[in-house]
């Protein structure tokens, strides 16, 4: 297929592009490169620099690319930032989403795979989250993702759109070529932040709150490797399924357990301090797995945090400045 990828210079999008190309698909990218890296794209992949909030820009790019399907990664994705600036998230993730769907409709593109999030569930009040768990976001980021999911469902019902909304849990890890490098506005994800301490780039790791309703008081998350996410996107775009699926491992790790894993893998002591909570962080988010395997034949291959941490540490050691030249 010819696939237009929005947000293809980002962390997950860039890995998915390589997986799609390896499967023989023809890729073009639409991205404003505000929070991504041109260097992460494979040589020869066409890039249109544009913003989804500009309806004419995405309409022109869609008409020129003539894709068979769209893979939609472009979004702001920081919980804390969304609590401070909700207007950014509704403007980019929702208004930009409407522009994308209208460009698809006008150009006759009938299938989309959407990078959604477990943040749509909010505080689920259950140990394991399945696709039927009520979605009650606790932050504007999760709300913006849920709003786009609802738009997809209505476009499916009224316009015949085929879609898959992949609600993935905490993306993490690295491939040999590609890793996590969020510079704008700043890095907020726990694994790269902890590894910066091991690299000597930060004096200590910060743990945002230790008074959550979890065994050690720190937030628990289901960590899913970026390569596994890319594989799920490939399976979704090639399937005929329409609906939403969780992507996770079925097992959660606390922030303190992440720090301990980093200490084991890096061999560095990694001092850590507890700081106040961030707004909008739920206590626990862990997927009930099975539906994605049933529908797509997908199952996470990285299930242990140390194996995930090893891939991240290898990439960060080899790219201590991320995609910036030394």
C-alpha atoms as a PDB file:
ATOM      1  CA  UNK A   1       0.000   0.000   0.000  1.00  0.00           C
ATOM      2  CA  UNK A   2       0.848   3.675  -0.254  1.00  0.00           C
ATOM      3  CA  UNK A   3       0.704   4.974   3.323  1.00  0.00           C
ATOM      4  CA  UNK A   4       0.831   8.591   4.473  1.00  0.00           C
ATOM      5  CA  UNK A   5       2.358   8.782   7.963  1.00  0.00           C
ATOM      6  CA  UNK A   6       1.664  11.845  10.066  1.00  0.00           C
ATOM      7  CA  UNK A   7       4.250  12.497  12.775  1.00  0.00           C
ATOM      8  CA  UNK A   8       6.724  10.192  11.071  1.00  0.00           C
ATOM      9  CA  UNK A   9       9.801  11.976  12.445  1.00  0.00           C
ATOM     10  CA  UNK A  10       8.752  11.181  16.016  1.00  0.00           C
ATOM     11  CA  UNK A  11       9.872   8.392  18.331  1.00  0.00           C
ATOM     12  CA  UNK A  12       7.266   5.758  17.490  1.00  0.00           C
ATOM     13  CA  UNK A  13       6.460   6.913  13.976  1.00  0.00           C
ATOM     14  CA  UNK A  14      10.066   6.630  12.804  1.00  0.00           C
ATOM     15  CA  UNK A  15      10.315   3.034  14.029  1.00  0.00           C
ATOM     16  CA  UNK A  16       6.965   2.127  12.463  1.00  0.00           C
ATOM     17  CA  UNK A  17       8.056   3.553   9.102  1.00  0.00           C
ATOM     18  CA  UNK A  18      10.981   1.153   8.916  1.00  0.00           C
ATOM     19  CA  UNK A  19       8.706  -1.760   9.785  1.00  0.00           C
ATOM     20  CA  UNK A  20       6.247  -0.724   7.065  1.00  0.00           C
ATOM     21  CA  UNK A  21       9.001  -0.332   4.483  1.00  0.00           C
ATOM     22  CA  UNK A  22      10.449  -3.748   5.346  1.00  0.00           C
ATOM     23  CA  UNK A  23       7.010  -5.184   4.583  1.00  0.00           C
ATOM     24  CA  UNK A  24       7.030  -3.547   1.147  1.00  0.00           C
ATOM     25  CA  UNK A  25       4.783  -0.538   1.711  1.00  0.00           C
ATOM     26  CA  UNK A  26       5.453   2.840   0.077  1.00  0.00           C
ATOM     27  CA  UNK A  27       5.743   5.631   2.643  1.00  0.00           C
ATOM     28  CA  UNK A  28       5.367   9.398   2.588  1.00  0.00           C
ATOM     29  CA  UNK A  29       5.453  11.622   5.682  1.00  0.00           C
ATOM     30  CA  UNK A  30       3.549  14.727   6.764  1.00  0.00           C
ATOM     31  CA  UNK A  31       5.093  16.348   9.838  1.00  0.00           C
ATOM     32  CA  UNK A  32       5.820  19.819  11.192  1.00  0.00           C
ATOM     33  CA  UNK A  33       9.046  18.412  12.746  1.00  0.00           C
ATOM     34  CA  UNK A  34       8.356  20.560  15.825  1.00  0.00           C
ATOM     35  CA  UNK A  35       9.036  17.694  18.231  1.00  0.00           C
ATOM     36  CA  UNK A  36      10.564  15.108  15.923  1.00  0.00           C
ATOM     37  CA  UNK A  37      13.875  14.660  14.135  1.00  0.00           C
ATOM     38  CA  UNK A  38      14.441  14.718  10.387  1.00  0.00           C
ATOM     39  CA  UNK A  39      17.502  12.543  11.043  1.00  0.00           C
ATOM     40  CA  UNK A  40      15.245   9.685  12.146  1.00  0.00           C
ATOM     41  CA  UNK A  41      13.718   9.252   8.680  1.00  0.00           C
ATOM     42  CA  UNK A  42      15.200   6.699   6.269  1.00  0.00           C
ATOM     43  CA  UNK A  43      16.927   8.178   3.241  1.00  0.00           C
ATOM     44  CA  UNK A  44      14.598   8.762   0.322  1.00  0.00           C
ATOM     45  CA  UNK A  45      11.325   8.907   2.252  1.00  0.00           C
ATOM     46  CA  UNK A  46       9.361  11.947   1.008  1.00  0.00           C
ATOM     47  CA  UNK A  47       8.702  14.481   3.776  1.00  0.00           C
ATOM     48  CA  UNK A  48       6.143  17.268   3.491  1.00  0.00           C
ATOM     49  CA  UNK A  49       6.756  19.779   6.279  1.00  0.00           C
ATOM     50  CA  UNK A  50       3.342  20.975   7.337  1.00  0.00           C
ATOM     51  CA  UNK A  51       0.998  21.309  10.305  1.00  0.00           C
ATOM     52  CA  UNK A  52      -2.308  19.497  10.735  1.00  0.00           C
ATOM     53  CA  UNK A  53      -3.814  22.696  12.136  1.00  0.00           C
ATOM     54  CA  UNK A  54      -3.428  24.086   8.605  1.00  0.00           C
ATOM     55  CA  UNK A  55      -6.327  22.439   6.782  1.00  0.00           C
ATOM     56  CA  UNK A  56      -5.092  23.454   3.340  1.00  0.00           C
ATOM     57  CA  UNK A  57      -1.627  22.012   3.993  1.00  0.00           C
ATOM     58  CA  UNK A  58      -2.837  18.525   4.897  1.00  0.00           C
ATOM     59  CA  UNK A  59      -5.427  18.597   2.100  1.00  0.00           C
ATOM     60  CA  UNK A  60      -2.714  19.398  -0.456  1.00  0.00           C
ATOM     61  CA  UNK A  61      -0.362  16.759   0.928  1.00  0.00           C
ATOM     62  CA  UNK A  62      -3.121  14.136   0.885  1.00  0.00           C
ATOM     63  CA  UNK A  63      -4.078  14.960  -2.686  1.00  0.00           C
ATOM     64  CA  UNK A  64      -0.462  14.779  -3.840  1.00  0.00           C
ATOM     65  CA  UNK A  65       0.392  11.541  -2.008  1.00  0.00           C
ATOM     66  CA  UNK A  66      -2.789   9.698  -3.043  1.00  0.00           C
ATOM     67  CA  UNK A  67      -2.366   7.169  -0.218  1.00  0.00           C
ATOM     68  CA  UNK A  68      -4.365   4.000   0.289  1.00  0.00           C
ATOM     69  CA  UNK A  69      -4.280   4.537   4.052  1.00  0.00           C
ATOM     70  CA  UNK A  70      -3.058   6.878   6.770  1.00  0.00           C
ATOM     71  CA  UNK A  71      -1.051   6.120   9.909  1.00  0.00           C
ATOM     72  CA  UNK A  72      -1.574   8.951  12.399  1.00  0.00           C
ATOM     73  CA  UNK A  73       1.099   9.595  15.033  1.00  0.00           C
ATOM     74  CA  UNK A  74       1.185  13.414  15.010  1.00  0.00           C
ATOM     75  CA  UNK A  75       0.139  14.753  18.433  1.00  0.00           C
ATOM     76  CA  UNK A  76       1.289  16.547  21.519  1.00  0.00           C
ATOM     77  CA  UNK A  77       1.744  13.831  24.125  1.00  0.00           C
ATOM     78  CA  UNK A  78       2.867  15.213  27.505  1.00  0.00           C
ATOM     79  CA  UNK A  79       0.444  14.817  30.406  1.00  0.00           C
ATOM     80  CA  UNK A  80       1.994  17.556  32.535  1.00  0.00           C
ATOM     81  CA  UNK A  81       2.081  20.057  29.686  1.00  0.00           C
ATOM     82  CA  UNK A  82      -1.556  19.308  28.880  1.00  0.00           C
ATOM     83  CA  UNK A  83      -2.517  20.207  32.455  1.00  0.00           C
ATOM     84  CA  UNK A  84      -0.821  23.591  32.053  1.00  0.00           C
ATOM     85  CA  UNK A  85      -1.799  24.342  28.449  1.00  0.00           C
ATOM     86  CA  UNK A  86      -4.937  22.392  27.491  1.00  0.00           C
ATOM     87  CA  UNK A  87      -5.515  24.694  24.527  1.00  0.00           C
ATOM     88  CA  UNK A  88      -2.412  23.287  22.836  1.00  0.00           C
ATOM     89  CA  UNK A  89      -3.763  19.757  23.088  1.00  0.00           C
ATOM     90  CA  UNK A  90      -7.269  20.465  21.855  1.00  0.00           C
ATOM     91  CA  UNK A  91      -5.921  22.670  19.076  1.00  0.00           C
ATOM     92  CA  UNK A  92      -3.327  20.215  17.789  1.00  0.00           C
ATOM     93  CA  UNK A  93      -4.775  16.813  18.653  1.00  0.00           C
ATOM     94  CA  UNK A  94      -8.457  17.560  18.048  1.00  0.00           C
ATOM     95  CA  UNK A  95      -8.683  20.410  15.525  1.00  0.00           C
ATOM     96  CA  UNK A  96      -5.732  18.931  13.623  1.00  0.00           C
ATOM     97  CA  UNK A  97      -7.500  15.583  13.736  1.00  0.00           C
ATOM     98  CA  UNK A  98     -10.650  17.012  12.169  1.00  0.00           C
ATOM     99  CA  UNK A  99      -8.554  18.499   9.369  1.00  0.00           C
ATOM    100  CA  UNK A 100      -6.900  15.142   8.771  1.00  0.00           C
ATOM    101  CA  UNK A 101     -10.195  13.254   8.608  1.00  0.00           C
ATOM    102  CA  UNK A 102     -11.707  15.816   6.249  1.00  0.00           C
ATOM    103  CA  UNK A 103      -8.650  15.643   3.971  1.00  0.00           C
ATOM    104  CA  UNK A 104      -9.003  11.854   3.915  1.00  0.00           C
ATOM    105  CA  UNK A 105     -12.698  12.073   3.124  1.00  0.00           C
ATOM    106  CA  UNK A 106     -12.200  14.613   0.341  1.00  0.00           C
ATOM    107  CA  UNK A 107      -9.433  12.495  -1.212  1.00  0.00           C
ATOM    108  CA  UNK A 108     -11.245   9.173  -0.845  1.00  0.00           C
ATOM    109  CA  UNK A 109      -8.836   7.606   1.664  1.00  0.00           C
ATOM    110  CA  UNK A 110     -10.791   5.024   3.614  1.00  0.00           C
ATOM    111  CA  UNK A 111      -8.499   3.574   6.276  1.00  0.00           C
ATOM    112  CA  UNK A 112      -6.516   4.977   9.211  1.00  0.00           C
ATOM    113  CA  UNK A 113      -4.499   3.538  12.095  1.00  0.00           C
ATOM    114  CA  UNK A 114      -4.454   5.949  15.030  1.00  0.00           C
ATOM    115  CA  UNK A 115      -1.834   6.235  17.747  1.00  0.00           C
ATOM    116  CA  UNK A 116      -4.134   6.437  20.782  1.00  0.00           C
ATOM    117  CA  UNK A 117      -3.299   6.017  24.460  1.00  0.00           C
ATOM    118  CA  UNK A 118      -4.157   4.297  27.714  1.00  0.00           C
ATOM    119  CA  UNK A 119      -4.518   7.869  29.048  1.00  0.00           C
ATOM    120  CA  UNK A 120      -8.078   7.719  27.714  1.00  0.00           C
ATOM    121  CA  UNK A 121      -8.959   5.429  30.644  1.00  0.00           C
ATOM    122  CA  UNK A 122      -7.983   7.888  33.409  1.00  0.00           C
ATOM    123  CA  UNK A 123      -8.219   6.238  36.848  1.00  0.00           C
ATOM    124  CA  UNK A 124      -9.828   2.938  35.830  1.00  0.00           C
ATOM    125  CA  UNK A 125     -10.166   1.529  39.353  1.00  0.00           C
ATOM    126  CA  UNK A 126      -9.159  -1.942  38.190  1.00  0.00           C
ATOM    127  CA  UNK A 127      -5.894  -3.858  38.192  1.00  0.00           C
ATOM    128  CA  UNK A 128      -6.090  -4.723  34.500  1.00  0.00           C
ATOM    129  CA  UNK A 129      -7.645  -2.544  31.806  1.00  0.00           C
ATOM    130  CA  UNK A 130      -9.441  -4.070  28.835  1.00  0.00           C
ATOM    131  CA  UNK A 131     -11.010  -2.371  25.845  1.00  0.00           C
ATOM    132  CA  UNK A 132     -14.422  -2.211  27.547  1.00  0.00           C
ATOM    133  CA  UNK A 133     -13.138  -0.378  30.637  1.00  0.00           C
ATOM    134  CA  UNK A 134     -14.908   3.010  30.867  1.00  0.00           C
ATOM    135  CA  UNK A 135     -12.838   5.854  29.431  1.00  0.00           C
ATOM    136  CA  UNK A 136     -12.685   8.771  31.868  1.00  0.00           C
ATOM    137  CA  UNK A 137      -9.494  10.769  31.232  1.00  0.00           C
ATOM    138  CA  UNK A 138      -7.871  12.681  34.089  1.00  0.00           C
ATOM    139  CA  UNK A 139      -5.909  15.088  31.873  1.00  0.00           C
ATOM    140  CA  UNK A 140      -6.434  17.056  28.636  1.00  0.00           C
ATOM    141  CA  UNK A 141      -3.958  14.834  26.760  1.00  0.00           C
ATOM    142  CA  UNK A 142      -6.085  11.737  27.410  1.00  0.00           C
ATOM    143  CA  UNK A 143      -9.250  13.712  26.690  1.00  0.00           C
ATOM    144  CA  UNK A 144      -7.896  14.849  23.320  1.00  0.00           C
ATOM    145  CA  UNK A 145      -7.088  11.270  22.351  1.00  0.00           C
ATOM    146  CA  UNK A 146     -10.539  10.106  23.412  1.00  0.00           C
ATOM    147  CA  UNK A 147     -12.195  12.904  21.435  1.00  0.00           C
ATOM    148  CA  UNK A 148     -10.413  11.780  18.293  1.00  0.00           C
ATOM    149  CA  UNK A 149     -11.406   8.157  18.944  1.00  0.00           C
ATOM    150  CA  UNK A 150     -15.031   9.312  19.118  1.00  0.00           C
ATOM    151  CA  UNK A 151     -14.635  11.169  15.834  1.00  0.00           C
ATOM    152  CA  UNK A 152     -13.254   8.018  14.236  1.00  0.00           C
ATOM    153  CA  UNK A 153     -16.245   6.005  15.427  1.00  0.00           C
ATOM    154  CA  UNK A 154     -18.688   8.550  13.955  1.00  0.00           C
ATOM    155  CA  UNK A 155     -16.801   8.759  10.656  1.00  0.00           C
ATOM    156  CA  UNK A 156     -16.898   4.952  10.532  1.00  0.00           C
ATOM    157  CA  UNK A 157     -20.637   4.913  11.140  1.00  0.00           C
ATOM    158  CA  UNK A 158     -21.563   7.777   8.822  1.00  0.00           C
ATOM    159  CA  UNK A 159     -18.830   7.755   6.170  1.00  0.00           C
ATOM    160  CA  UNK A 160     -17.716   4.109   6.173  1.00  0.00           C
ATOM    161  CA  UNK A 161     -14.208   4.866   7.472  1.00  0.00           C
ATOM    162  CA  UNK A 162     -12.122   1.847   8.451  1.00  0.00           C
ATOM    163  CA  UNK A 163      -9.996   2.546  11.499  1.00  0.00           C
ATOM    164  CA  UNK A 164      -7.969   0.989  14.272  1.00  0.00           C
ATOM    165  CA  UNK A 165      -7.299   3.015  17.434  1.00  0.00           C
ATOM    166  CA  UNK A 166      -4.295   1.487  19.169  1.00  0.00           C
ATOM    167  CA  UNK A 167      -4.400   2.405  22.850  1.00  0.00           C
ATOM    168  CA  UNK A 168      -0.879   1.749  23.859  1.00  0.00           C
ATOM    169  CA  UNK A 169       0.550   1.890  27.282  1.00  0.00           C
ATOM    170  CA  UNK A 170       4.011   3.349  28.038  1.00  0.00           C
ATOM    171  CA  UNK A 171       6.148   3.263  24.900  1.00  0.00           C
ATOM    172  CA  UNK A 172       9.804   2.609  25.664  1.00  0.00           C
ATOM    173  CA  UNK A 173      13.043   1.008  24.515  1.00  0.00           C
ATOM    174  CA  UNK A 174      15.020   1.459  21.323  1.00  0.00           C
ATOM    175  CA  UNK A 175      16.142  -0.243  18.143  1.00  0.00           C
ATOM    176  CA  UNK A 176      19.764  -0.298  17.010  1.00  0.00           C
ATOM    177  CA  UNK A 177      19.136   2.849  14.937  1.00  0.00           C
ATOM    178  CA  UNK A 178      16.373   4.725  16.715  1.00  0.00           C
ATOM    179  CA  UNK A 179      15.651   5.785  20.268  1.00  0.00           C
ATOM    180  CA  UNK A 180      13.838   8.221  22.503  1.00  0.00           C
ATOM    181  CA  UNK A 181      14.971  11.843  22.231  1.00  0.00           C
ATOM    182  CA  UNK A 182      12.329  14.367  23.299  1.00  0.00           C
ATOM    183  CA  UNK A 183      13.846  17.836  23.421  1.00  0.00           C
ATOM    184  CA  UNK A 184      10.842  20.087  22.875  1.00  0.00           C
ATOM    185  CA  UNK A 185       9.697  21.202  25.340  1.00  0.00           C
ATOM    186  CA  UNK A 186      11.706  18.705  27.421  1.00  0.00           C
ATOM    187  CA  UNK A 187      12.097  15.013  28.204  1.00  0.00           C
ATOM    188  CA  UNK A 188       9.491  13.732  30.657  1.00  0.00           C
ATOM    189  CA  UNK A 189       9.635   9.941  30.206  1.00  0.00           C
ATOM    190  CA  UNK A 190      11.140   8.022  33.075  1.00  0.00           C
ATOM    191  CA  UNK A 191      13.531   5.650  31.263  1.00  0.00           C
ATOM    192  CA  UNK A 192      15.498   8.255  29.263  1.00  0.00           C
ATOM    193  CA  UNK A 193      15.521  10.554  32.299  1.00  0.00           C
ATOM    194  CA  UNK A 194      16.983   7.850  34.541  1.00  0.00           C
ATOM    195  CA  UNK A 195      19.548   6.911  31.890  1.00  0.00           C
ATOM    196  CA  UNK A 196      20.706  10.523  31.699  1.00  0.00           C
ATOM    197  CA  UNK A 197      21.838  10.151  35.300  1.00  0.00           C
ATOM    198  CA  UNK A 198      23.817   7.029  34.391  1.00  0.00           C
ATOM    199  CA  UNK A 199      25.426   8.999  31.538  1.00  0.00           C
ATOM    200  CA  UNK A 200      26.470  11.759  33.921  1.00  0.00           C
ATOM    201  CA  UNK A 201      24.164  14.288  32.259  1.00  0.00           C
ATOM    202  CA  UNK A 202      21.969  14.771  35.339  1.00  0.00           C
ATOM    203  CA  UNK A 203      22.918  14.541  39.023  1.00  0.00           C
ATOM    204  CA  UNK A 204      19.940  12.452  40.134  1.00  0.00           C
ATOM    205  CA  UNK A 205      16.648  10.987  39.032  1.00  0.00           C
ATOM    206  CA  UNK A 206      13.391  12.539  40.158  1.00  0.00           C
ATOM    207  CA  UNK A 207      10.477  10.404  41.326  1.00  0.00           C
ATOM    208  CA  UNK A 208       7.263  12.405  41.020  1.00  0.00           C
ATOM    209  CA  UNK A 209       5.385  11.393  44.150  1.00  0.00           C
ATOM    210  CA  UNK A 210       5.602   8.358  46.428  1.00  0.00           C
ATOM    211  CA  UNK A 211       2.143   8.536  47.975  1.00  0.00           C
ATOM    212  CA  UNK A 212       0.149   6.763  45.278  1.00  0.00           C
ATOM    213  CA  UNK A 213      -2.101   3.796  46.081  1.00  0.00           C
ATOM    214  CA  UNK A 214       0.517   1.240  44.980  1.00  0.00           C
ATOM    215  CA  UNK A 215       2.748  -1.163  46.951  1.00  0.00           C
ATOM    216  CA  UNK A 216       5.787   1.152  46.975  1.00  0.00           C
ATOM    217  CA  UNK A 217       3.881   4.423  46.622  1.00  0.00           C
ATOM    218  CA  UNK A 218       5.046   5.220  43.087  1.00  0.00           C
ATOM    219  CA  UNK A 219       3.050   5.074  39.853  1.00  0.00           C
ATOM    220  CA  UNK A 220       2.784   1.700  38.106  1.00  0.00           C
ATOM    221  CA  UNK A 221       2.774   1.504  34.321  1.00  0.00           C
ATOM    222  CA  UNK A 222       2.767  -1.189  31.640  1.00  0.00           C
ATOM    223  CA  UNK A 223       5.900  -0.646  29.505  1.00  0.00           C
ATOM    224  CA  UNK A 224       5.669  -1.778  25.871  1.00  0.00           C
ATOM    225  CA  UNK A 225       8.681  -1.777  23.558  1.00  0.00           C
ATOM    226  CA  UNK A 226       8.649   0.532  20.554  1.00  0.00           C
ATOM    227  CA  UNK A 227       9.477  -2.362  18.190  1.00  0.00           C
ATOM    228  CA  UNK A 228       6.419  -4.239  19.401  1.00  0.00           C
ATOM    229  CA  UNK A 229       4.307  -1.135  18.832  1.00  0.00           C
ATOM    230  CA  UNK A 230       5.624  -0.831  15.277  1.00  0.00           C
ATOM    231  CA  UNK A 231       4.716  -4.458  14.594  1.00  0.00           C
ATOM    232  CA  UNK A 232       1.186  -3.859  15.870  1.00  0.00           C
ATOM    233  CA  UNK A 233       0.780  -0.866  13.555  1.00  0.00           C
ATOM    234  CA  UNK A 234       1.828  -2.950  10.561  1.00  0.00           C
ATOM    235  CA  UNK A 235      -0.636  -5.695  11.469  1.00  0.00           C
ATOM    236  CA  UNK A 236      -3.405  -3.131  12.012  1.00  0.00           C
ATOM    237  CA  UNK A 237      -2.933  -1.351   8.682  1.00  0.00           C
ATOM    238  CA  UNK A 238      -2.972  -4.676   6.838  1.00  0.00           C
ATOM    239  CA  UNK A 239      -6.063  -5.953   8.655  1.00  0.00           C
ATOM    240  CA  UNK A 240      -9.748  -5.375   7.974  1.00  0.00           C
ATOM    241  CA  UNK A 241     -10.559  -4.859  11.661  1.00  0.00           C
ATOM    242  CA  UNK A 242     -12.297  -1.657  12.763  1.00  0.00           C
ATOM    243  CA  UNK A 243     -12.273  -0.628  16.409  1.00  0.00           C
ATOM    244  CA  UNK A 244      -9.962  -0.061  19.373  1.00  0.00           C
ATOM    245  CA  UNK A 245      -7.264  -2.316  20.819  1.00  0.00           C
ATOM    246  CA  UNK A 246      -4.980  -2.116  23.831  1.00  0.00           C
ATOM    247  CA  UNK A 247      -1.242  -2.660  23.348  1.00  0.00           C
ATOM    248  CA  UNK A 248       0.650  -3.722  26.455  1.00  0.00           C
ATOM    249  CA  UNK A 249       2.370  -6.613  28.172  1.00  0.00           C
ATOM    250  CA  UNK A 250      -0.110  -7.277  30.969  1.00  0.00           C
ATOM    251  CA  UNK A 251       2.481  -6.521  33.641  1.00  0.00           C
ATOM    252  CA  UNK A 252       3.224  -3.237  35.394  1.00  0.00           C
ATOM    253  CA  UNK A 253       6.365  -1.790  36.951  1.00  0.00           C
ATOM    254  CA  UNK A 254       6.577   1.032  39.459  1.00  0.00           C
ATOM    255  CA  UNK A 255       8.829   4.055  39.007  1.00  0.00           C
ATOM    256  CA  UNK A 256      11.080   2.742  41.788  1.00  0.00           C
ATOM    257  CA  UNK A 257      11.327  -0.593  39.958  1.00  0.00           C
ATOM    258  CA  UNK A 258      12.340   1.269  36.782  1.00  0.00           C
ATOM    259  CA  UNK A 259      15.136   3.008  38.680  1.00  0.00           C
ATOM    260  CA  UNK A 260      16.312  -0.324  40.110  1.00  0.00           C
ATOM    261  CA  UNK A 261      16.323  -1.883  36.635  1.00  0.00           C
ATOM    262  CA  UNK A 262      18.416   1.001  35.320  1.00  0.00           C
ATOM    263  CA  UNK A 263      20.879   0.500  38.156  1.00  0.00           C
ATOM    264  CA  UNK A 264      21.202  -3.187  37.311  1.00  0.00           C
ATOM    265  CA  UNK A 265      21.624  -2.687  33.571  1.00  0.00           C
ATOM    266  CA  UNK A 266      23.948   0.339  33.655  1.00  0.00           C
ATOM    267  CA  UNK A 267      25.998  -0.584  36.714  1.00  0.00           C
ATOM    268  CA  UNK A 268      25.617   3.005  37.956  1.00  0.00           C
ATOM    269  CA  UNK A 269      24.226   3.876  41.410  1.00  0.00           C
ATOM    270  CA  UNK A 270      21.719   6.430  39.983  1.00  0.00           C
ATOM    271  CA  UNK A 271      20.800   8.520  43.023  1.00  0.00           C
ATOM    272  CA  UNK A 272      17.123   9.446  43.140  1.00  0.00           C
ATOM    273  CA  UNK A 273      14.953  11.890  45.058  1.00  0.00           C
ATOM    274  CA  UNK A 274      11.218  12.100  45.547  1.00  0.00           C
ATOM    275  CA  UNK A 275       9.598  15.322  44.364  1.00  0.00           C
ATOM    276  CA  UNK A 276       5.928  16.433  44.357  1.00  0.00           C
ATOM    277  CA  UNK A 277       3.409  14.665  42.151  1.00  0.00           C
ATOM    278  CA  UNK A 278       2.701  15.821  38.628  1.00  0.00           C
ATOM    279  CA  UNK A 279      -0.889  16.749  37.928  1.00  0.00           C
ATOM    280  CA  UNK A 280      -2.986  14.209  36.043  1.00  0.00           C
ATOM    281  CA  UNK A 281      -0.968  11.048  36.766  1.00  0.00           C
ATOM    282  CA  UNK A 282      -3.147   7.991  37.607  1.00  0.00           C
ATOM    283  CA  UNK A 283      -1.931   5.458  40.193  1.00  0.00           C
ATOM    284  CA  UNK A 284      -1.820   2.403  37.955  1.00  0.00           C
ATOM    285  CA  UNK A 285      -2.267   1.689  34.232  1.00  0.00           C
ATOM    286  CA  UNK A 286      -1.770  -1.921  33.142  1.00  0.00           C
ATOM    287  CA  UNK A 287      -3.320  -3.608  30.121  1.00  0.00           C
ATOM    288  CA  UNK A 288      -5.319  -6.787  30.047  1.00  0.00           C
ATOM    289  CA  UNK A 289      -3.772  -8.444  27.017  1.00  0.00           C
ATOM    290  CA  UNK A 290      -5.437 -10.845  24.633  1.00  0.00           C
ATOM    291  CA  UNK A 291      -7.752  -8.894  22.362  1.00  0.00           C
ATOM    292  CA  UNK A 292      -4.927  -7.650  20.090  1.00  0.00           C
ATOM    293  CA  UNK A 293      -3.598 -11.187  19.823  1.00  0.00           C
ATOM    294  CA  UNK A 294      -7.059 -12.482  18.975  1.00  0.00           C
ATOM    295  CA  UNK A 295      -7.707  -9.819  16.321  1.00  0.00           C
ATOM    296  CA  UNK A 296      -4.248  -9.079  14.897  1.00  0.00           C
ATOM    297  CA  UNK A 297      -2.153 -12.045  15.990  1.00  0.00           C
ATOM    298  CA  UNK A 298      -0.033  -9.520  17.958  1.00  0.00           C
ATOM    299  CA  UNK A 299       1.707 -10.167  21.244  1.00  0.00           C
ATOM    300  CA  UNK A 300       4.508  -8.213  22.917  1.00  0.00           C
ATOM    301  CA  UNK A 301       7.888  -9.897  22.502  1.00  0.00           C
ATOM    302  CA  UNK A 302       9.620  -7.717  25.127  1.00  0.00           C
ATOM    303  CA  UNK A 303       7.964  -8.563  28.432  1.00  0.00           C
ATOM    304  CA  UNK A 304      10.717  -8.025  31.028  1.00  0.00           C
ATOM    305  CA  UNK A 305      11.775  -4.533  32.035  1.00  0.00           C
ATOM    306  CA  UNK A 306      15.498  -5.400  32.092  1.00  0.00           C
ATOM    307  CA  UNK A 307      15.435  -6.525  28.453  1.00  0.00           C
ATOM    308  CA  UNK A 308      13.666  -3.286  27.494  1.00  0.00           C
ATOM    309  CA  UNK A 309      16.129  -1.266  29.560  1.00  0.00           C
ATOM    310  CA  UNK A 310      19.074  -2.956  27.823  1.00  0.00           C
ATOM    311  CA  UNK A 311      17.909  -1.733  24.403  1.00  0.00           C
ATOM    312  CA  UNK A 312      17.387   1.800  25.684  1.00  0.00           C
ATOM    313  CA  UNK A 313      20.767   1.878  27.451  1.00  0.00           C
ATOM    314  CA  UNK A 314      22.593   0.641  24.359  1.00  0.00           C
ATOM    315  CA  UNK A 315      21.071   3.389  22.216  1.00  0.00           C
ATOM    316  CA  UNK A 316      21.606   6.179  24.748  1.00  0.00           C
ATOM    317  CA  UNK A 317      25.243   5.161  25.279  1.00  0.00           C
ATOM    318  CA  UNK A 318      25.826   5.283  21.527  1.00  0.00           C
ATOM    319  CA  UNK A 319      23.770   8.504  21.127  1.00  0.00           C
ATOM    320  CA  UNK A 320      24.361  10.477  24.346  1.00  0.00           C
ATOM    321  CA  UNK A 321      23.214  13.661  22.609  1.00  0.00           C
ATOM    322  CA  UNK A 322      20.279  11.983  20.905  1.00  0.00           C
ATOM    323  CA  UNK A 323      19.922  12.984  17.280  1.00  0.00           C
ATOM    324  CA  UNK A 324      22.049  16.092  17.800  1.00  0.00           C
ATOM    325  CA  UNK A 325      25.546  15.903  16.283  1.00  0.00           C
ATOM    326  CA  UNK A 326      28.393  15.714  18.782  1.00  0.00           C
END
